[in-house]
C-alpha cells in the first residue's frame, strides 16, 4: 500500500509541475523572443572578411557584398518600417549603436564604426556600417544598408 501512495503523490506532483512549466520549457525548440536591434550583434553575424595576409596599400576600403547584408537589412527594416517618424528612426539606430546626422528633406544617414581583429589578431579591420534612411513627406520611405571595411 505505501508504494501506491508514493506513486499517486508523484503523479500529482509531476502533473502540477508540468502544468506550471513556462512555454519555453514545454517547447525547447520554439522561437526565442526577438532581441533588440544592436549593430554589435549584426557585426558578429558577418563572415570574416577575406584578404588574409596583408593590408592593401593605401588602406583601400572594401565593400561587403549585399547578399551578406540581407539578414541585417531585414532586421533593420523590421525595426524601422516605412511610415516611421524620422526622429523615432534615429532613436532606434542610436540605441543600436549608430551615430546619426541631421536629416534633410530627402534622407538621414547613420553610421556605426567597429574594430575587428580577425585571424588571431595579426591585423585589424576598421568596419563601418552606413544606413541611409530615405524620407518622403516627413516619414521613412526606405532603408539602404552598406558595410565597408579596411584591413590595417
Foldseek 3Di string as FASTA:
>chain_A
DVVVVVVVVVVVVVVVVVVVDDPCVVPVPDDDPDDQAAVVVLVVQADDDDPPDDFDVPQDKDWDDVVRCVVVQVVLCVCFPWFAAPVVSCVSVVVNPWDWDDDDQFWIKIKHWDWAQPDVNPKIKIKMKIKIFTHDPRITDDIDIIMIITID
